[in-house]
Amino acid sequence: MNIHVEKLKSVLKEIKHFYREMYYVPYRQTMQREIQRRDDMFKLLVMSEMLGLPNPASFYTLELMPFMLEDFHKWHTRMGMEKSPLEGFRCC
């Protein structure tokens, strides 16, 4: 009896795997492209930081600072820091 239950579980697991793969197949290439794009952007920012080039995203994200201020305060208090860990970014 126990052998039949294990075999049934194995078959159900294979069916679940099959349906999951059938669902993700059309999107796999799109997801892979998005992951590659994010990795490329991260590598570009890290490499430019290593070479001493200014971050090009900082100019475009400057207008988001007021919106990020509240979230940043919640984050650093949740991390156990009473005051902002960044010198030029005062929120408290």
C-alpha atoms as a PDB file:
ATOM      1  CA  MET A   1       0.000   0.000   0.000  1.00  0.00           C
ATOM      2  CA  ASN A   2       2.820   2.388   0.901  1.00  0.00           C
ATOM      3  CA  ILE A   3       4.507   1.755  -2.470  1.00  0.00           C
ATOM      4  CA  HIS A   4       1.337   2.831  -4.310  1.00  0.00           C
ATOM      5  CA  VAL A   5       1.123   6.063  -2.321  1.00  0.00           C
ATOM      6  CA  GLU A   6       4.749   6.901  -3.093  1.00  0.00           C
ATOM      7  CA  LYS A   7       4.216   6.136  -6.785  1.00  0.00           C
ATOM      8  CA  LEU A   8       1.084   8.307  -6.844  1.00  0.00           C
ATOM      9  CA  LYS A   9       2.997  11.170  -5.197  1.00  0.00           C
ATOM     10  CA  SER A  10       5.758  10.794  -7.771  1.00  0.00           C
ATOM     11  CA  VAL A  11       3.288  10.865 -10.672  1.00  0.00           C
ATOM     12  CA  LEU A  12       1.513  13.921  -9.252  1.00  0.00           C
ATOM     13  CA  LYS A  13       4.847  15.669  -8.806  1.00  0.00           C
ATOM     14  CA  GLU A  14       5.723  14.994 -12.459  1.00  0.00           C
ATOM     15  CA  ILE A  15       2.326  16.269 -13.608  1.00  0.00           C
ATOM     16  CA  LYS A  16       2.776  19.420 -11.538  1.00  0.00           C
ATOM     17  CA  HIS A  17       6.251  19.931 -13.016  1.00  0.00           C
ATOM     18  CA  PHE A  18       4.879  19.415 -16.546  1.00  0.00           C
ATOM     19  CA  TYR A  19       2.121  21.996 -16.143  1.00  0.00           C
ATOM     20  CA  ARG A  20       4.480  24.494 -14.521  1.00  0.00           C
ATOM     21  CA  GLU A  21       6.916  24.146 -17.422  1.00  0.00           C
ATOM     22  CA  MET A  22       4.115  24.485 -19.970  1.00  0.00           C
ATOM     23  CA  TYR A  23       3.076  27.738 -18.308  1.00  0.00           C
ATOM     24  CA  TYR A  24       6.581  29.258 -18.162  1.00  0.00           C
ATOM     25  CA  VAL A  25       7.873  28.205 -21.599  1.00  0.00           C
ATOM     26  CA  PRO A  26       6.385  31.197 -23.502  1.00  0.00           C
ATOM     27  CA  TYR A  27       7.747  33.646 -20.913  1.00  0.00           C
ATOM     28  CA  ARG A  28      11.157  32.111 -20.292  1.00  0.00           C
ATOM     29  CA  GLN A  29      12.930  34.060 -23.045  1.00  0.00           C
ATOM     30  CA  THR A  30      11.340  37.343 -21.939  1.00  0.00           C
ATOM     31  CA  MET A  31      12.296  36.754 -18.305  1.00  0.00           C
ATOM     32  CA  GLN A  32      15.842  35.795 -19.304  1.00  0.00           C
ATOM     33  CA  ARG A  33      16.169  38.981 -21.376  1.00  0.00           C
ATOM     34  CA  GLU A  34      14.961  41.117 -18.436  1.00  0.00           C
ATOM     35  CA  ILE A  35      17.393  39.431 -16.029  1.00  0.00           C
ATOM     36  CA  GLN A  36      20.225  40.001 -18.520  1.00  0.00           C
ATOM     37  CA  ARG A  37      19.258  43.684 -18.900  1.00  0.00           C
ATOM     38  CA  ARG A  38      19.249  44.204 -15.116  1.00  0.00           C
ATOM     39  CA  ASP A  39      22.599  42.450 -14.728  1.00  0.00           C
ATOM     40  CA  ASP A  40      24.099  44.580 -17.494  1.00  0.00           C
ATOM     41  CA  MET A  41      22.877  47.780 -15.833  1.00  0.00           C
ATOM     42  CA  PHE A  42      24.266  46.682 -12.470  1.00  0.00           C
ATOM     43  CA  LYS A  43      27.649  45.827 -14.006  1.00  0.00           C
ATOM     44  CA  LEU A  44      27.732  49.183 -15.793  1.00  0.00           C
ATOM     45  CA  LEU A  45      27.053  51.073 -12.565  1.00  0.00           C
ATOM     46  CA  VAL A  46      29.623  49.057 -10.599  1.00  0.00           C
ATOM     47  CA  MET A  47      32.262  49.456 -13.296  1.00  0.00           C
ATOM     48  CA  SER A  48      31.675  53.207 -13.586  1.00  0.00           C
ATOM     49  CA  GLU A  49      31.927  53.488  -9.789  1.00  0.00           C
ATOM     50  CA  MET A  50      35.237  51.598  -9.844  1.00  0.00           C
ATOM     51  CA  LEU A  51      36.608  53.910 -12.541  1.00  0.00           C
ATOM     52  CA  GLY A  52      35.531  57.017 -10.648  1.00  0.00           C
ATOM     53  CA  LEU A  53      32.872  58.111 -13.120  1.00  0.00           C
ATOM     54  CA  PRO A  54      29.817  59.828 -11.665  1.00  0.00           C
ATOM     55  CA  ASN A  55      26.633  57.789 -11.517  1.00  0.00           C
ATOM     56  CA  PRO A  56      24.428  58.884 -14.456  1.00  0.00           C
ATOM     57  CA  ALA A  57      21.274  57.738 -12.686  1.00  0.00           C
ATOM     58  CA  SER A  58      21.737  60.164  -9.794  1.00  0.00           C
ATOM     59  CA  PHE A  59      20.836  63.157 -11.963  1.00  0.00           C
ATOM     60  CA  TYR A  60      17.595  61.543 -13.128  1.00  0.00           C
ATOM     61  CA  THR A  61      16.594  60.248  -9.714  1.00  0.00           C
ATOM     62  CA  LEU A  62      17.206  63.519  -7.882  1.00  0.00           C
ATOM     63  CA  GLU A  63      13.547  64.480  -8.221  1.00  0.00           C
ATOM     64  CA  LEU A  64      12.534  61.234  -6.453  1.00  0.00           C
ATOM     65  CA  MET A  65      14.291  62.236  -3.208  1.00  0.00           C
ATOM     66  CA  PRO A  66      11.178  63.664  -1.479  1.00  0.00           C
ATOM     67  CA  PHE A  67       9.300  60.425  -2.145  1.00  0.00           C
ATOM     68  CA  MET A  68      12.174  58.262  -0.950  1.00  0.00           C
ATOM     69  CA  LEU A  69      12.775  60.228   2.236  1.00  0.00           C
ATOM     70  CA  GLU A  70       9.923  58.645   4.201  1.00  0.00           C
ATOM     71  CA  ASP A  71      10.781  55.137   2.999  1.00  0.00           C
ATOM     72  CA  PHE A  72      14.459  55.681   3.813  1.00  0.00           C
ATOM     73  CA  HIS A  73      13.603  56.761   7.357  1.00  0.00           C
ATOM     74  CA  LYS A  74      11.463  53.657   7.881  1.00  0.00           C
ATOM     75  CA  TRP A  75      14.244  51.481   6.469  1.00  0.00           C
ATOM     76  CA  HIS A  76      17.084  52.757   8.645  1.00  0.00           C
ATOM     77  CA  THR A  77      14.972  52.652  11.818  1.00  0.00           C
ATOM     78  CA  ARG A  78      13.922  49.083  10.968  1.00  0.00           C
ATOM     79  CA  MET A  79      17.609  48.210  10.532  1.00  0.00           C
ATOM     80  CA  GLY A  80      18.319  49.497  14.039  1.00  0.00           C
ATOM     81  CA  MET A  81      20.026  52.763  13.087  1.00  0.00           C
ATOM     82  CA  GLU A  82      18.717  55.738  15.023  1.00  0.00           C
ATOM     83  CA  LYS A  83      20.069  58.303  12.563  1.00  0.00           C
ATOM     84  CA  SER A  84      20.645  58.229   8.827  1.00  0.00           C
ATOM     85  CA  PRO A  85      23.786  56.259   7.885  1.00  0.00           C
ATOM     86  CA  LEU A  86      24.414  58.618   4.947  1.00  0.00           C
ATOM     87  CA  GLU A  87      26.103  61.921   5.700  1.00  0.00           C
ATOM     88  CA  GLY A  88      24.448  63.993   2.974  1.00  0.00           C
ATOM     89  CA  PHE A  89      21.022  62.443   3.403  1.00  0.00           C
ATOM     90  CA  ARG A  90      19.409  63.738   6.570  1.00  0.00           C
ATOM     91  CA  CYS A  91      15.926  62.511   7.309  1.00  0.00           C
ATOM     92  CA  CYS A  92      15.579  62.702  11.083  1.00  0.00           C
END
